[in-house]
């Protein structure tokens, strides 16, 4: 079981690669709200919508965190692949 010190260390590490959580959350929620207003949003499958929302999370991490952190880009690629496989 993780101790509070373990969680604090993890959060500090993630802040360096993922940016400030509140900044990321605000940008991600604004982006998702805009996308949900698009004319084709309701035509997407659940997998397509969920995949795109996960991609938003990864893009906003790159925009508010460390854009050279390779996990952001690998995750985007992975979610895009899952969308393709299920569309």
N, C-alpha and C. Protein backbone atom coordinates (compact mmCIF):
# COMPACT_ATOMS: atom_id res chain seq x y z
N UNK A 1 0.84 -1.18 0.00
CA UNK A 1 0.00 0.00 0.00
C UNK A 1 0.89 1.24 0.00
N UNK A 2 0.54 2.20 -0.84
CA UNK A 2 1.32 3.42 -0.95
C UNK A 2 1.13 4.29 0.29
N UNK A 3 2.22 4.86 0.75
CA UNK A 3 2.17 5.78 1.88
C UNK A 3 1.91 7.18 1.35
N UNK A 4 1.49 8.10 2.22
CA UNK A 4 1.32 9.48 1.79
C UNK A 4 2.59 10.07 1.17
N UNK A 5 3.75 9.68 1.71
CA UNK A 5 5.02 10.16 1.14
C UNK A 5 5.22 9.64 -0.27
N UNK A 6 4.83 8.37 -0.50
CA UNK A 6 4.93 7.80 -1.85
C UNK A 6 4.05 8.56 -2.83
N UNK A 7 2.85 8.87 -2.40
CA UNK A 7 1.91 9.61 -3.26
C UNK A 7 2.44 11.01 -3.53
N UNK A 8 2.96 11.67 -2.52
CA UNK A 8 3.53 13.01 -2.70
C UNK A 8 4.68 12.98 -3.71
N UNK A 9 5.54 11.99 -3.61
CA UNK A 9 6.67 11.87 -4.53
C UNK A 9 6.19 11.62 -5.95
N UNK A 10 5.19 10.76 -6.10
CA UNK A 10 4.63 10.48 -7.42
C UNK A 10 4.00 11.73 -8.02
N UNK A 11 3.23 12.46 -7.23
CA UNK A 11 2.58 13.67 -7.72
C UNK A 11 3.61 14.72 -8.15
N UNK A 12 4.68 14.84 -7.40
CA UNK A 12 5.73 15.80 -7.75
C UNK A 12 6.42 15.39 -9.05
N UNK A 13 6.67 14.09 -9.21
CA UNK A 13 7.28 13.59 -10.44
C UNK A 13 6.35 13.85 -11.63
N UNK A 14 5.07 13.55 -11.48
CA UNK A 14 4.11 13.74 -12.57
C UNK A 14 3.93 15.21 -12.92
N UNK A 15 4.02 16.08 -11.94
CA UNK A 15 3.89 17.52 -12.23
C UNK A 15 4.98 17.97 -13.19
N UNK A 16 6.18 17.38 -13.07
CA UNK A 16 7.27 17.74 -13.96
C UNK A 16 7.00 17.29 -15.39
N UNK A 17 6.43 16.11 -15.56
CA UNK A 17 6.19 15.59 -16.92
C UNK A 17 4.82 15.96 -17.46
N UNK A 18 3.82 16.08 -16.59
CA UNK A 18 2.43 16.28 -17.03
C UNK A 18 1.92 17.70 -16.80
N UNK A 19 2.67 18.51 -16.07
CA UNK A 19 2.25 19.88 -15.79
C UNK A 19 1.33 19.96 -14.58
N UNK A 20 0.92 21.17 -14.28
CA UNK A 20 0.01 21.41 -13.16
C UNK A 20 -1.35 20.80 -13.47
N UNK A 21 -1.89 20.01 -12.54
CA UNK A 21 -3.13 19.28 -12.79
C UNK A 21 -4.30 20.22 -13.08
N UNK A 22 -4.42 21.31 -12.34
CA UNK A 22 -5.53 22.23 -12.56
C UNK A 22 -5.44 22.88 -13.94
N UNK A 23 -4.24 23.28 -14.36
CA UNK A 23 -4.07 23.87 -15.69
C UNK A 23 -4.44 22.87 -16.78
N UNK A 24 -3.98 21.63 -16.61
CA UNK A 24 -4.27 20.58 -17.58
C UNK A 24 -5.76 20.29 -17.61
N UNK A 25 -6.38 20.20 -16.44
CA UNK A 25 -7.82 19.91 -16.36
C UNK A 25 -8.65 20.99 -17.03
N UNK A 26 -8.31 22.24 -16.79
CA UNK A 26 -9.06 23.34 -17.41
C UNK A 26 -8.95 23.32 -18.92
N UNK A 27 -7.76 23.10 -19.43
CA UNK A 27 -7.56 23.05 -20.89
C UNK A 27 -8.27 21.83 -21.49
N UNK A 28 -8.16 20.69 -20.84
CA UNK A 28 -8.79 19.46 -21.35
C UNK A 28 -10.31 19.59 -21.36
N UNK A 29 -10.88 20.12 -20.29
CA UNK A 29 -12.34 20.25 -20.23
C UNK A 29 -12.86 21.25 -21.26
N UNK A 30 -12.13 22.34 -21.49
CA UNK A 30 -12.54 23.31 -22.50
C UNK A 30 -12.49 22.69 -23.90
N UNK A 31 -11.45 21.91 -24.15
CA UNK A 31 -11.30 21.25 -25.45
C UNK A 31 -12.40 20.22 -25.65
N UNK A 32 -12.66 19.40 -24.65
CA UNK A 32 -13.70 18.37 -24.76
C UNK A 32 -15.07 19.01 -24.97
N UNK A 33 -15.35 20.09 -24.27
CA UNK A 33 -16.64 20.77 -24.42
C UNK A 33 -16.81 21.29 -25.85
N UNK A 34 -15.75 21.83 -26.40
CA UNK A 34 -15.80 22.32 -27.77
C UNK A 34 -16.02 21.17 -28.74
N UNK A 35 -15.30 20.09 -28.58
CA UNK A 35 -15.45 18.93 -29.47
C UNK A 35 -16.85 18.35 -29.40
N UNK A 36 -17.45 18.32 -28.21
CA UNK A 36 -18.80 17.75 -28.06
C UNK A 36 -19.85 18.58 -28.79
N UNK A 37 -19.54 19.81 -29.12
CA UNK A 37 -20.46 20.67 -29.88
C UNK A 37 -20.31 20.50 -31.39
N UNK A 38 -19.34 19.71 -31.83
CA UNK A 38 -19.11 19.55 -33.26
C UNK A 38 -20.27 18.79 -33.90
N UNK A 39 -20.52 19.02 -35.19
CA UNK A 39 -21.69 18.40 -35.83
C UNK A 39 -21.66 16.87 -35.87
N UNK A 40 -20.50 16.26 -35.84
CA UNK A 40 -20.44 14.81 -35.96
C UNK A 40 -20.21 14.08 -34.65
N UNK A 41 -20.14 14.80 -33.54
CA UNK A 41 -19.85 14.14 -32.27
C UNK A 41 -20.82 13.00 -31.99
N UNK A 42 -22.11 13.23 -32.21
CA UNK A 42 -23.11 12.20 -31.92
C UNK A 42 -23.09 11.05 -32.92
N UNK A 43 -22.40 11.22 -34.02
CA UNK A 43 -22.27 10.14 -35.00
C UNK A 43 -21.13 9.19 -34.67
N UNK A 44 -20.25 9.60 -33.76
CA UNK A 44 -19.12 8.76 -33.38
C UNK A 44 -19.58 7.61 -32.49
N UNK A 45 -18.87 6.51 -32.57
CA UNK A 45 -19.13 5.40 -31.66
C UNK A 45 -18.59 5.75 -30.28
N UNK A 46 -18.99 4.95 -29.30
CA UNK A 46 -18.48 5.16 -27.94
C UNK A 46 -16.96 5.03 -27.92
N UNK A 47 -16.42 4.08 -28.67
CA UNK A 47 -14.97 3.89 -28.72
C UNK A 47 -14.29 5.11 -29.33
N UNK A 48 -14.85 5.66 -30.39
CA UNK A 48 -14.27 6.84 -31.03
C UNK A 48 -14.31 8.04 -30.08
N UNK A 49 -15.44 8.25 -29.42
CA UNK A 49 -15.54 9.38 -28.48
C UNK A 49 -14.57 9.21 -27.32
N UNK A 50 -14.55 8.03 -26.74
CA UNK A 50 -13.67 7.79 -25.59
C UNK A 50 -12.20 7.92 -25.99
N UNK A 51 -11.86 7.35 -27.15
CA UNK A 51 -10.49 7.46 -27.63
C UNK A 51 -10.07 8.90 -27.84
N UNK A 52 -10.95 9.68 -28.46
CA UNK A 52 -10.63 11.09 -28.68
C UNK A 52 -10.49 11.85 -27.36
N UNK A 53 -11.33 11.52 -26.39
CA UNK A 53 -11.20 12.19 -25.09
C UNK A 53 -9.89 11.82 -24.41
N UNK A 54 -9.46 10.59 -24.54
CA UNK A 54 -8.15 10.21 -23.98
C UNK A 54 -7.02 10.92 -24.72
N UNK A 55 -7.17 11.07 -26.02
CA UNK A 55 -6.16 11.80 -26.79
C UNK A 55 -6.09 13.26 -26.33
N UNK A 56 -7.24 13.87 -26.06
CA UNK A 56 -7.24 15.24 -25.52
C UNK A 56 -6.42 15.29 -24.23
N UNK A 57 -6.62 14.30 -23.37
CA UNK A 57 -5.87 14.28 -22.11
C UNK A 57 -4.37 14.25 -22.35
N UNK A 58 -3.95 13.45 -23.32
CA UNK A 58 -2.52 13.34 -23.61
C UNK A 58 -1.98 14.60 -24.29
N UNK A 59 -2.75 15.19 -25.18
CA UNK A 59 -2.32 16.43 -25.85
C UNK A 59 -2.19 17.54 -24.82
N UNK A 60 -3.16 17.66 -23.92
CA UNK A 60 -3.08 18.74 -22.93
C UNK A 60 -1.92 18.52 -21.96
N UNK A 61 -1.57 17.27 -21.70
CA UNK A 61 -0.38 17.02 -20.88
C UNK A 61 0.87 17.55 -21.58
N UNK A 62 0.94 17.35 -22.87
CA UNK A 62 2.10 17.85 -23.62
C UNK A 62 2.11 19.37 -23.65
N UNK A 63 0.93 19.98 -23.69
CA UNK A 63 0.85 21.44 -23.78
C UNK A 63 1.13 22.14 -22.46
N UNK A 64 0.81 21.51 -21.33
CA UNK A 64 1.06 22.17 -20.04
C UNK A 64 2.23 21.55 -19.29
N UNK A 65 2.66 20.36 -19.74
CA UNK A 65 3.78 19.68 -19.10
C UNK A 65 5.00 19.69 -19.98
N UNK A 66 5.71 18.60 -19.97
CA UNK A 66 6.95 18.47 -20.74
C UNK A 66 6.62 17.90 -22.13
N UNK A 67 6.71 18.71 -23.18
CA UNK A 67 6.37 18.22 -24.51
C UNK A 67 7.36 17.21 -25.07
N UNK A 68 8.50 17.04 -24.41
CA UNK A 68 9.46 16.04 -24.88
C UNK A 68 9.27 14.68 -24.20
N UNK A 69 8.33 14.61 -23.26
CA UNK A 69 8.05 13.36 -22.55
C UNK A 69 7.40 12.38 -23.53
N UNK A 70 8.12 11.34 -23.88
CA UNK A 70 7.71 10.45 -24.97
C UNK A 70 6.42 9.68 -24.68
N UNK A 71 6.09 9.47 -23.42
CA UNK A 71 4.85 8.74 -23.09
C UNK A 71 3.61 9.45 -23.64
N UNK A 72 3.62 10.79 -23.66
CA UNK A 72 2.46 11.52 -24.21
C UNK A 72 2.20 11.08 -25.64
N UNK A 73 3.25 11.08 -26.44
CA UNK A 73 3.12 10.80 -27.87
C UNK A 73 2.83 9.33 -28.12
N UNK A 74 3.43 8.45 -27.34
CA UNK A 74 3.14 7.02 -27.48
C UNK A 74 1.70 6.72 -27.11
N UNK A 75 1.19 7.37 -26.07
CA UNK A 75 -0.20 7.16 -25.67
C UNK A 75 -1.17 7.65 -26.74
N UNK A 76 -0.88 8.80 -27.34
CA UNK A 76 -1.73 9.32 -28.42
C UNK A 76 -1.77 8.32 -29.57
N UNK A 77 -0.61 7.82 -29.93
CA UNK A 77 -0.53 6.82 -31.01
C UNK A 77 -1.33 5.57 -30.64
N UNK A 78 -1.22 5.14 -29.41
CA UNK A 78 -1.94 3.95 -28.96
C UNK A 78 -3.44 4.12 -29.00
N UNK A 79 -3.92 5.27 -28.52
CA UNK A 79 -5.37 5.50 -28.56
C UNK A 79 -5.88 5.62 -29.98
N UNK A 80 -5.13 6.26 -30.85
CA UNK A 80 -5.53 6.35 -32.26
C UNK A 80 -5.60 4.96 -32.88
N UNK A 81 -4.68 4.11 -32.53
CA UNK A 81 -4.69 2.73 -33.04
C UNK A 81 -5.93 1.99 -32.54
N UNK A 82 -6.26 2.15 -31.27
CA UNK A 82 -7.45 1.49 -30.72
C UNK A 82 -8.72 1.98 -31.42
N UNK A 83 -8.78 3.27 -31.70
CA UNK A 83 -9.94 3.80 -32.43
C UNK A 83 -10.03 3.15 -33.80
N UNK A 84 -8.93 3.09 -34.52
CA UNK A 84 -8.92 2.47 -35.85
C UNK A 84 -9.33 1.01 -35.79
N UNK A 85 -8.84 0.28 -34.81
CA UNK A 85 -9.14 -1.15 -34.69
C UNK A 85 -10.63 -1.41 -34.40
N UNK A 86 -11.28 -0.44 -33.78
CA UNK A 86 -12.67 -0.64 -33.37
C UNK A 86 -13.67 0.18 -34.17
N UNK A 87 -13.23 0.75 -35.27
CA UNK A 87 -14.14 1.58 -36.08
C UNK A 87 -14.56 0.84 -37.33
